[in-house]
Protein backbone atom coordinates (compact mmCIF):
# COMPACT_ATOMS: atom_id res chain seq x y z
CA MET A 1 61.06 101.39 74.49
CA ARG A 2 59.73 99.93 71.25
CA GLU A 3 56.42 99.09 72.95
CA PHE A 4 56.19 102.65 74.25
CA GLU A 5 56.80 103.99 70.73
CA GLN A 6 54.16 101.65 69.28
CA ARG A 7 51.60 102.81 71.85
CA LEU A 8 52.31 106.45 71.06
CA ARG A 9 52.04 105.77 67.31
CA ALA A 10 48.70 103.96 67.84
CA GLN A 11 47.39 107.02 69.70
CA GLY A 12 48.30 109.29 66.79
CA PHE A 13 51.59 110.77 67.97
CA GLY A 14 53.97 111.51 65.12
CA GLY A 15 57.27 111.62 66.99
CA VAL A 16 59.19 111.72 70.24
CA THR A 17 61.64 114.37 71.43
CA LEU A 18 64.08 113.41 74.20
CA GLN A 19 66.47 115.60 76.14
CA THR A 20 69.70 114.36 77.76
CA GLY A 21 73.20 115.66 78.37
CA ALA A 22 75.71 115.62 75.53
CA HIS A 23 77.94 113.14 77.38
CA ALA A 24 75.32 111.36 79.50
CA PRO A 25 75.24 107.55 79.27
CA PRO A 26 71.60 107.44 78.03
CA ARG A 27 72.63 109.30 74.87
CA SER A 28 74.26 106.24 73.28
CA PHE A 29 71.26 104.10 74.31
CA TYR A 30 68.83 106.34 72.42
CA LEU A 31 71.14 106.71 69.42
CA ALA A 32 71.28 102.90 69.18
CA LEU A 33 67.45 102.85 69.06
CA GLY A 34 67.46 105.11 66.00
CA TYR A 35 66.99 108.49 67.64
CA GLN A 36 68.89 111.28 65.89
CA LEU A 37 70.37 114.52 67.10
CA ILE A 38 68.23 117.55 66.31
CA ASP A 39 69.15 121.21 66.41
CA LEU A 40 67.70 122.45 69.71
CA MET A 41 69.07 124.57 72.50
CA ALA A 42 67.97 124.37 76.13
CA LEU A 43 68.39 127.38 78.36
CA GLY A 44 67.68 127.80 82.04
CA LYS A 45 67.78 130.51 84.66
CA SER A 46 67.50 130.28 88.41
CA LEU A 47 65.05 132.74 89.90
CA ASN A 48 66.00 132.15 93.52
CA GLY A 49 69.57 133.54 93.42
CA LYS A 50 71.29 130.16 93.23
CA ALA A 51 73.45 129.14 90.29
């Protein structure tokens, strides 16, 4: 992950935004790497009649 971040930084990217579930196992992994919670909301809607 650190190498990926370094490559992005070298290409001029200023940050990374990740999306995962509030209780998903990857959440603690990313928090341990220094990622912080940000105030975003994700919404979705099915257009084919399924929930």
